[in-house]
Amino acid sequence: HWRSQVGNVPSRRVAWACGFTFGSTVPRLLLERGVALDAWTGWLLPSDDGTPRTRWLEPVMLRGERVVLRPLVESDASRVQEACADERTGRWLAALGPGYSLEQAREYIASRVVQQSVGATVTWAVADPDSDDLLGNISVMDLAGLDPTSGEIGYWTHPAARGRGAMTEACRLVVTHAFASVTSGGLGLRRLQLAAAAGNTASLHVARHAGFAEYGRARAAEPLGDGTFDDVVWLDQLAAPSA
């Protein structure tokens, strides 16, 4: 068995490289100098061959004119909290719930490493190229299912960065990276999809300007932060055929 304090990425990388299967995060499992710490866990069976069981997805640096996409880091927590506690963000992302806290932001950042280490999701901080302030968050998700060549994009923007074209450029950068071959450093996907509430015109604007086209709607399927429901608009795009 393997266990390590949440956030100890070097230890998790060693366990991954040795072929451990990762388990759940266990609250207060470890005790260090009298302090109870949450722990990552995993196991290795005698029948395992000692090689990685999943692809570890890396949020490689992507550069544009308005933004730089980089890994989320602990110092981004305050900006994540500000964005996710924002009333407008909470309206469209009801799962965040009211009163999003700094601790929740820290937990979210730590969870990105977990998701990347099992090949499920890759997440970038959308950052200002000069100040490095976090402007938003963008992910490619659902990569560990039955079809690992198809993923879903999700994003949100910090209130101070809205209306600047930052997320539109970030989405274009991620789409290009997602469709690039694995041998060239990309994700090697053939299809991407994206969902947004019909009333979330800003999110739909980003999607359409990044090349996504609507293919369907689910009526009254999206719960909103105020307790009402909106239609979900589904959009997708396919990788260009290989030459």
C-alpha atoms as a PDB file:
ATOM      1  CA  HIS A   1       0.000   0.000   0.000  1.00  0.00           C
ATOM      2  CA  TRP A   2       1.019   3.624  -0.613  1.00  0.00           C
ATOM      3  CA  ARG A   3      -0.115   6.717   1.210  1.00  0.00           C
ATOM      4  CA  SER A   4       1.117  10.288   1.121  1.00  0.00           C
ATOM      5  CA  GLN A   5       0.029  13.711   2.282  1.00  0.00           C
ATOM      6  CA  VAL A   6      -2.309  15.435  -0.160  1.00  0.00           C
ATOM      7  CA  GLY A   7      -0.214  17.741  -2.315  1.00  0.00           C
ATOM      8  CA  ASN A   8       2.955  15.621  -2.280  1.00  0.00           C
ATOM      9  CA  VAL A   9       3.138  15.395  -6.057  1.00  0.00           C
ATOM     10  CA  PRO A  10       6.683  13.898  -6.233  1.00  0.00           C
ATOM     11  CA  SER A  11       5.540  10.957  -4.083  1.00  0.00           C
ATOM     12  CA  ARG A  12       2.444  10.480  -6.236  1.00  0.00           C
ATOM     13  CA  ARG A  13       4.597  10.473  -9.375  1.00  0.00           C
ATOM     14  CA  VAL A  14       6.816   7.731  -7.951  1.00  0.00           C
ATOM     15  CA  ALA A  15       3.765   5.637  -7.053  1.00  0.00           C
ATOM     16  CA  TRP A  16       2.304   6.208 -10.523  1.00  0.00           C
ATOM     17  CA  ALA A  17       5.574   5.223 -12.240  1.00  0.00           C
ATOM     18  CA  CYS A  18       5.701   2.008 -10.191  1.00  0.00           C
ATOM     19  CA  GLY A  19       2.228   1.008 -11.347  1.00  0.00           C
ATOM     20  CA  PHE A  20       0.180   1.690  -8.221  1.00  0.00           C
ATOM     21  CA  THR A  21      -3.586   1.943  -8.583  1.00  0.00           C
ATOM     22  CA  PHE A  22      -4.749   5.143  -6.923  1.00  0.00           C
ATOM     23  CA  GLY A  23      -7.560   5.024  -4.385  1.00  0.00           C
ATOM     24  CA  SER A  24      -9.560   7.694  -2.623  1.00  0.00           C
ATOM     25  CA  THR A  25      -8.356  10.685  -0.656  1.00  0.00           C
ATOM     26  CA  VAL A  26      -8.802   9.837   3.035  1.00  0.00           C
ATOM     27  CA  PRO A  27      -9.375  12.719   5.470  1.00  0.00           C
ATOM     28  CA  ARG A  28      -7.039  12.944   8.489  1.00  0.00           C
ATOM     29  CA  LEU A  29      -5.346   9.615   7.776  1.00  0.00           C
ATOM     30  CA  LEU A  30      -1.780  10.718   8.513  1.00  0.00           C
ATOM     31  CA  LEU A  31      -0.373  12.198  11.707  1.00  0.00           C
ATOM     32  CA  GLU A  32       2.636  14.497  11.497  1.00  0.00           C
ATOM     33  CA  ARG A  33       3.912  16.333  14.578  1.00  0.00           C
ATOM     34  CA  GLY A  34       0.527  16.000  16.190  1.00  0.00           C
ATOM     35  CA  VAL A  35      -1.367  17.319  13.158  1.00  0.00           C
ATOM     36  CA  ALA A  36      -3.852  15.089  11.296  1.00  0.00           C
ATOM     37  CA  LEU A  37      -3.396  15.325   7.526  1.00  0.00           C
ATOM     38  CA  ASP A  38      -5.496  14.213   4.568  1.00  0.00           C
ATOM     39  CA  ALA A  39      -3.811  11.492   2.516  1.00  0.00           C
ATOM     40  CA  TRP A  40      -3.700  10.146  -1.012  1.00  0.00           C
ATOM     41  CA  THR A  41      -3.778   6.339  -1.123  1.00  0.00           C
ATOM     42  CA  GLY A  42      -2.984   3.537  -3.536  1.00  0.00           C
ATOM     43  CA  TRP A  43      -2.089  -0.128  -3.835  1.00  0.00           C
ATOM     44  CA  LEU A  44       0.031  -2.528  -5.877  1.00  0.00           C
ATOM     45  CA  LEU A  45      -0.940  -6.181  -6.302  1.00  0.00           C
ATOM     46  CA  PRO A  46       1.459  -9.107  -6.872  1.00  0.00           C
ATOM     47  CA  SER A  47      -0.100  -9.580 -10.310  1.00  0.00           C
ATOM     48  CA  ASP A  48       0.630  -5.975 -11.364  1.00  0.00           C
ATOM     49  CA  ASP A  49       3.522  -5.516 -13.792  1.00  0.00           C
ATOM     50  CA  GLY A  50       5.044  -2.402 -12.201  1.00  0.00           C
ATOM     51  CA  THR A  51       4.323  -0.038 -15.086  1.00  0.00           C
ATOM     52  CA  PRO A  52       1.985   3.000 -15.067  1.00  0.00           C
ATOM     53  CA  ARG A  53      -1.668   2.022 -15.287  1.00  0.00           C
ATOM     54  CA  THR A  54      -2.809   5.338 -16.751  1.00  0.00           C
ATOM     55  CA  ARG A  55      -1.497   8.233 -18.775  1.00  0.00           C
ATOM     56  CA  TRP A  56      -0.444  11.183 -16.589  1.00  0.00           C
ATOM     57  CA  LEU A  57      -1.785  14.232 -18.397  1.00  0.00           C
ATOM     58  CA  GLU A  58       0.356  17.364 -18.263  1.00  0.00           C
ATOM     59  CA  PRO A  59      -0.968  20.943 -18.595  1.00  0.00           C
ATOM     60  CA  VAL A  60       1.877  22.021 -20.865  1.00  0.00           C
ATOM     61  CA  MET A  61       2.520  25.744 -21.253  1.00  0.00           C
ATOM     62  CA  LEU A  62       0.490  27.289 -24.078  1.00  0.00           C
ATOM     63  CA  ARG A  63       1.123  30.901 -25.110  1.00  0.00           C
ATOM     64  CA  GLY A  64      -1.098  33.366 -26.932  1.00  0.00           C
ATOM     65  CA  GLU A  65      -1.137  37.133 -27.368  1.00  0.00           C
ATOM     66  CA  ARG A  66      -3.514  37.842 -24.465  1.00  0.00           C
ATOM     67  CA  VAL A  67      -2.971  34.826 -22.208  1.00  0.00           C
ATOM     68  CA  VAL A  68      -0.551  32.173 -21.044  1.00  0.00           C
ATOM     69  CA  LEU A  69      -1.920  28.778 -20.078  1.00  0.00           C
ATOM     70  CA  ARG A  70       0.019  27.099 -17.273  1.00  0.00           C
ATOM     71  CA  PRO A  71      -0.595  24.633 -14.415  1.00  0.00           C
ATOM     72  CA  LEU A  72      -2.644  25.803 -11.456  1.00  0.00           C
ATOM     73  CA  VAL A  73      -0.499  26.494  -8.380  1.00  0.00           C
ATOM     74  CA  GLU A  74      -1.293  27.022  -4.701  1.00  0.00           C
ATOM     75  CA  SER A  75      -0.863  30.791  -4.978  1.00  0.00           C
ATOM     76  CA  ASP A  76      -3.818  30.883  -7.409  1.00  0.00           C
ATOM     77  CA  ALA A  77      -6.214  29.910  -4.607  1.00  0.00           C
ATOM     78  CA  SER A  78      -7.367  33.425  -3.735  1.00  0.00           C
ATOM     79  CA  ARG A  79      -8.208  34.222  -7.360  1.00  0.00           C
ATOM     80  CA  VAL A  80      -9.996  30.872  -7.757  1.00  0.00           C
ATOM     81  CA  GLN A  81     -12.039  31.681  -4.649  1.00  0.00           C
ATOM     82  CA  GLU A  82     -12.923  35.152  -5.942  1.00  0.00           C
ATOM     83  CA  ALA A  83     -14.075  33.763  -9.277  1.00  0.00           C
ATOM     84  CA  CYS A  84     -16.091  30.859  -7.879  1.00  0.00           C
ATOM     85  CA  ALA A  85     -17.752  32.990  -5.188  1.00  0.00           C
ATOM     86  CA  ASP A  86     -18.824  35.537  -7.812  1.00  0.00           C
ATOM     87  CA  GLU A  87     -22.595  35.838  -8.236  1.00  0.00           C
ATOM     88  CA  ARG A  88     -22.495  35.522 -12.021  1.00  0.00           C
ATOM     89  CA  THR A  89     -20.248  32.462 -11.908  1.00  0.00           C
ATOM     90  CA  GLY A  90     -22.512  30.873  -9.314  1.00  0.00           C
ATOM     91  CA  ARG A  91     -25.581  31.437 -11.462  1.00  0.00           C
ATOM     92  CA  TRP A  92     -24.221  29.336 -14.322  1.00  0.00           C
ATOM     93  CA  LEU A  93     -22.225  26.826 -12.236  1.00  0.00           C
ATOM     94  CA  ALA A  94     -24.773  25.867  -9.606  1.00  0.00           C
ATOM     95  CA  ALA A  95     -22.645  22.962  -8.348  1.00  0.00           C
ATOM     96  CA  LEU A  96     -20.253  25.475  -6.762  1.00  0.00           C
ATOM     97  CA  GLY A  97     -22.901  26.366  -4.195  1.00  0.00           C
ATOM     98  CA  PRO A  98     -23.085  29.559  -2.121  1.00  0.00           C
ATOM     99  CA  GLY A  99     -20.178  30.913  -0.098  1.00  0.00           C
ATOM    100  CA  TYR A 100     -17.353  29.256  -2.035  1.00  0.00           C
ATOM    101  CA  SER A 101     -14.388  29.367   0.360  1.00  0.00           C
ATOM    102  CA  LEU A 102     -10.626  29.658   0.133  1.00  0.00           C
ATOM    103  CA  GLU A 103     -10.341  26.118   1.486  1.00  0.00           C
ATOM    104  CA  GLN A 104     -12.553  24.856  -1.337  1.00  0.00           C
ATOM    105  CA  ALA A 105     -10.293  26.647  -3.806  1.00  0.00           C
ATOM    106  CA  ARG A 106      -7.224  24.936  -2.337  1.00  0.00           C
ATOM    107  CA  GLU A 107      -8.976  21.564  -2.499  1.00  0.00           C
ATOM    108  CA  TYR A 108      -9.903  22.193  -6.120  1.00  0.00           C
ATOM    109  CA  ILE A 109      -6.298  22.966  -7.073  1.00  0.00           C
ATOM    110  CA  ALA A 110      -5.076  19.793  -5.330  1.00  0.00           C
ATOM    111  CA  SER A 111      -7.770  17.739  -7.055  1.00  0.00           C
ATOM    112  CA  ARG A 112      -6.447  18.736 -10.481  1.00  0.00           C
ATOM    113  CA  VAL A 113      -3.277  16.730  -9.855  1.00  0.00           C
ATOM    114  CA  VAL A 114      -5.388  13.714  -8.896  1.00  0.00           C
ATOM    115  CA  GLN A 115      -7.461  13.937 -12.073  1.00  0.00           C
ATOM    116  CA  GLN A 116      -4.396  14.417 -14.275  1.00  0.00           C
ATOM    117  CA  SER A 117      -2.550  11.480 -12.696  1.00  0.00           C
ATOM    118  CA  VAL A 118      -5.345   9.059 -13.664  1.00  0.00           C
ATOM    119  CA  GLY A 119      -5.683  10.423 -17.198  1.00  0.00           C
ATOM    120  CA  ALA A 120      -9.189  11.802 -16.634  1.00  0.00           C
ATOM    121  CA  THR A 121      -8.812  15.575 -16.929  1.00  0.00           C
ATOM    122  CA  VAL A 122      -6.178  18.158 -17.743  1.00  0.00           C
ATOM    123  CA  THR A 123      -6.609  21.684 -16.361  1.00  0.00           C
ATOM    124  CA  TRP A 124      -4.885  24.980 -17.039  1.00  0.00           C
ATOM    125  CA  ALA A 125      -4.793  28.310 -15.269  1.00  0.00           C
ATOM    126  CA  VAL A 126      -5.475  31.054 -17.795  1.00  0.00           C
ATOM    127  CA  ALA A 127      -2.960  33.700 -16.738  1.00  0.00           C
ATOM    128  CA  ASP A 128      -2.023  37.253 -17.660  1.00  0.00           C
ATOM    129  CA  PRO A 129       1.245  37.124 -19.656  1.00  0.00           C
ATOM    130  CA  ASP A 130       2.684  40.114 -17.759  1.00  0.00           C
ATOM    131  CA  SER A 131       1.442  39.861 -14.159  1.00  0.00           C
ATOM    132  CA  ASP A 132       0.793  36.073 -14.108  1.00  0.00           C
ATOM    133  CA  ASP A 133      -2.529  36.798 -12.348  1.00  0.00           C
ATOM    134  CA  LEU A 134      -5.119  34.070 -12.842  1.00  0.00           C
ATOM    135  CA  LEU A 135      -7.737  35.207 -15.360  1.00  0.00           C
ATOM    136  CA  GLY A 136      -9.675  31.962 -15.569  1.00  0.00           C
ATOM    137  CA  ASN A 137      -9.638  28.188 -15.631  1.00  0.00           C
ATOM    138  CA  ILE A 138     -10.067  25.773 -18.545  1.00  0.00           C
ATOM    139  CA  SER A 139     -10.127  21.969 -18.623  1.00  0.00           C
ATOM    140  CA  VAL A 140     -10.431  19.071 -21.032  1.00  0.00           C
ATOM    141  CA  MET A 141     -12.474  16.448 -19.165  1.00  0.00           C
ATOM    142  CA  ASP A 142     -13.912  12.939 -19.494  1.00  0.00           C
ATOM    143  CA  LEU A 143     -10.760  11.459 -21.015  1.00  0.00           C
ATOM    144  CA  ALA A 144     -10.746   8.205 -19.038  1.00  0.00           C
ATOM    145  CA  GLY A 145     -14.043   6.766 -20.259  1.00  0.00           C
ATOM    146  CA  LEU A 146     -14.934   4.292 -22.977  1.00  0.00           C
ATOM    147  CA  ASP A 147     -13.725   6.676 -25.703  1.00  0.00           C
ATOM    148  CA  PRO A 148     -10.395   8.284 -24.750  1.00  0.00           C
ATOM    149  CA  THR A 149     -10.259  10.076 -28.118  1.00  0.00           C
ATOM    150  CA  SER A 150     -13.176  12.360 -27.207  1.00  0.00           C
ATOM    151  CA  GLY A 151     -13.268  14.979 -24.453  1.00  0.00           C
ATOM    152  CA  GLU A 152     -15.340  17.819 -23.069  1.00  0.00           C
ATOM    153  CA  ILE A 153     -14.135  21.373 -22.501  1.00  0.00           C
ATOM    154  CA  GLY A 154     -15.227  23.437 -19.505  1.00  0.00           C
ATOM    155  CA  TYR A 155     -14.151  26.904 -18.388  1.00  0.00           C
ATOM    156  CA  TRP A 156     -14.852  29.924 -16.223  1.00  0.00           C
ATOM    157  CA  THR A 157     -13.469  33.461 -16.169  1.00  0.00           C
ATOM    158  CA  HIS A 158     -12.453  35.648 -13.221  1.00  0.00           C
ATOM    159  CA  PRO A 159     -14.790  38.673 -12.982  1.00  0.00           C
ATOM    160  CA  ALA A 160     -11.916  41.110 -13.567  1.00  0.00           C
ATOM    161  CA  ALA A 161     -11.007  39.390 -16.854  1.00  0.00           C
ATOM    162  CA  ARG A 162     -14.401  39.345 -18.533  1.00  0.00           C
ATOM    163  CA  GLY A 163     -14.892  41.067 -21.868  1.00  0.00           C
ATOM    164  CA  ARG A 164     -11.189  41.007 -22.784  1.00  0.00           C
ATOM    165  CA  GLY A 165     -11.179  38.036 -25.138  1.00  0.00           C
ATOM    166  CA  ALA A 166      -8.984  36.079 -22.729  1.00  0.00           C
ATOM    167  CA  MET A 167     -11.134  32.961 -22.560  1.00  0.00           C
ATOM    168  CA  THR A 168     -11.804  32.932 -26.296  1.00  0.00           C
ATOM    169  CA  GLU A 169      -8.071  32.842 -26.973  1.00  0.00           C
ATOM    170  CA  ALA A 170      -7.534  30.274 -24.212  1.00  0.00           C
ATOM    171  CA  CYS A 171     -10.207  28.014 -25.681  1.00  0.00           C
ATOM    172  CA  ARG A 172      -8.646  28.214 -29.136  1.00  0.00           C
ATOM    173  CA  LEU A 173      -5.233  27.323 -27.698  1.00  0.00           C
ATOM    174  CA  VAL A 174      -6.665  24.313 -25.860  1.00  0.00           C
ATOM    175  CA  VAL A 175      -8.578  23.093 -28.924  1.00  0.00           C
ATOM    176  CA  THR A 176      -5.406  23.226 -31.021  1.00  0.00           C
ATOM    177  CA  HIS A 177      -3.471  21.361 -28.321  1.00  0.00           C
ATOM    178  CA  ALA A 178      -6.212  18.769 -27.853  1.00  0.00           C
ATOM    179  CA  PHE A 179      -6.306  17.912 -31.559  1.00  0.00           C
ATOM    180  CA  ALA A 180      -2.510  17.835 -31.956  1.00  0.00           C
ATOM    181  CA  SER A 181      -0.975  14.354 -32.076  1.00  0.00           C
ATOM    182  CA  VAL A 182       0.466  12.741 -28.968  1.00  0.00           C
ATOM    183  CA  THR A 183       3.846  12.484 -30.701  1.00  0.00           C
ATOM    184  CA  SER A 184       3.872  16.265 -31.158  1.00  0.00           C
ATOM    185  CA  GLY A 185       2.967  16.847 -27.495  1.00  0.00           C
ATOM    186  CA  GLY A 186      -0.809  17.153 -27.884  1.00  0.00           C
ATOM    187  CA  LEU A 187      -3.675  15.071 -26.536  1.00  0.00           C
ATOM    188  CA  GLY A 188      -4.387  13.305 -29.824  1.00  0.00           C
ATOM    189  CA  LEU A 189      -8.167  13.719 -29.652  1.00  0.00           C
ATOM    190  CA  ARG A 190     -10.537  13.399 -32.603  1.00  0.00           C
ATOM    191  CA  ARG A 191     -13.573  15.142 -31.047  1.00  0.00           C
ATOM    192  CA  LEU A 192     -14.377  17.791 -28.455  1.00  0.00           C
ATOM    193  CA  GLN A 193     -17.724  18.809 -27.049  1.00  0.00           C
ATOM    194  CA  LEU A 194     -18.931  21.585 -24.793  1.00  0.00           C
ATOM    195  CA  ALA A 195     -22.142  22.309 -22.881  1.00  0.00           C
ATOM    196  CA  ALA A 196     -23.555  25.639 -21.717  1.00  0.00           C
ATOM    197  CA  ALA A 197     -26.857  26.953 -20.455  1.00  0.00           C
ATOM    198  CA  ALA A 198     -28.847  28.598 -23.238  1.00  0.00           C
ATOM    199  CA  GLY A 199     -28.907  31.866 -21.323  1.00  0.00           C
ATOM    200  CA  ASN A 200     -25.140  31.916 -20.794  1.00  0.00           C
ATOM    201  CA  THR A 201     -24.450  34.023 -23.863  1.00  0.00           C
ATOM    202  CA  ALA A 202     -20.862  34.797 -22.860  1.00  0.00           C
ATOM    203  CA  SER A 203     -19.929  31.110 -22.651  1.00  0.00           C
ATOM    204  CA  LEU A 204     -21.663  30.347 -25.943  1.00  0.00           C
ATOM    205  CA  HIS A 205     -19.854  33.282 -27.579  1.00  0.00           C
ATOM    206  CA  VAL A 206     -16.507  31.809 -26.497  1.00  0.00           C
ATOM    207  CA  ALA A 207     -17.458  28.352 -27.767  1.00  0.00           C
ATOM    208  CA  ARG A 208     -18.624  29.505 -31.185  1.00  0.00           C
ATOM    209  CA  HIS A 209     -15.603  31.751 -31.706  1.00  0.00           C
ATOM    210  CA  ALA A 210     -13.381  28.774 -30.837  1.00  0.00           C
ATOM    211  CA  GLY A 211     -14.930  26.699 -33.623  1.00  0.00           C
ATOM    212  CA  PHE A 212     -17.713  24.811 -31.839  1.00  0.00           C
ATOM    213  CA  ALA A 213     -21.094  24.303 -33.530  1.00  0.00           C
ATOM    214  CA  GLU A 214     -24.398  23.436 -31.876  1.00  0.00           C
ATOM    215  CA  TYR A 215     -25.643  19.890 -32.394  1.00  0.00           C
ATOM    216  CA  GLY A 216     -28.483  19.639 -29.907  1.00  0.00           C
ATOM    217  CA  ARG A 217     -30.340  20.883 -26.849  1.00  0.00           C
ATOM    218  CA  ALA A 218     -31.682  19.300 -23.694  1.00  0.00           C
ATOM    219  CA  ARG A 219     -34.741  21.172 -22.513  1.00  0.00           C
ATOM    220  CA  ALA A 220     -34.824  22.500 -18.934  1.00  0.00           C
ATOM    221  CA  ALA A 221     -31.878  20.246 -18.057  1.00  0.00           C
ATOM    222  CA  GLU A 222     -29.449  22.736 -16.501  1.00  0.00           C
ATOM    223  CA  PRO A 223     -30.002  23.667 -12.830  1.00  0.00           C
ATOM    224  CA  LEU A 224     -29.071  27.289 -12.167  1.00  0.00           C
ATOM    225  CA  GLY A 225     -27.834  28.931  -9.016  1.00  0.00           C
ATOM    226  CA  ASP A 226     -31.203  30.554  -8.321  1.00  0.00           C
ATOM    227  CA  GLY A 227     -33.035  27.217  -8.317  1.00  0.00           C
ATOM    228  CA  THR A 228     -34.512  27.549 -11.807  1.00  0.00           C
ATOM    229  CA  PHE A 229     -33.662  25.469 -14.887  1.00  0.00           C
ATOM    230  CA  ASP A 230     -32.437  26.383 -18.360  1.00  0.00           C
ATOM    231  CA  ASP A 231     -31.939  24.475 -21.594  1.00  0.00           C
ATOM    232  CA  VAL A 232     -28.495  22.956 -22.133  1.00  0.00           C
ATOM    233  CA  VAL A 233     -26.889  23.735 -25.481  1.00  0.00           C
ATOM    234  CA  TRP A 234     -24.494  21.039 -26.713  1.00  0.00           C
ATOM    235  CA  LEU A 235     -21.752  22.000 -29.159  1.00  0.00           C
ATOM    236  CA  ASP A 236     -18.898  20.042 -30.686  1.00  0.00           C
ATOM    237  CA  GLN A 237     -16.127  20.032 -33.264  1.00  0.00           C
ATOM    238  CA  LEU A 238     -14.001  17.380 -34.904  1.00  0.00           C
ATOM    239  CA  ALA A 239     -10.305  17.329 -35.600  1.00  0.00           C
ATOM    240  CA  ALA A 240      -9.398  18.141 -39.174  1.00  0.00           C
ATOM    241  CA  PRO A 241      -8.760  14.985 -41.241  1.00  0.00           C
ATOM    242  CA  SER A 242      -5.102  14.017 -41.428  1.00  0.00           C
ATOM    243  CA  ALA A 243      -3.379  14.944 -44.653  1.00  0.00           C
END
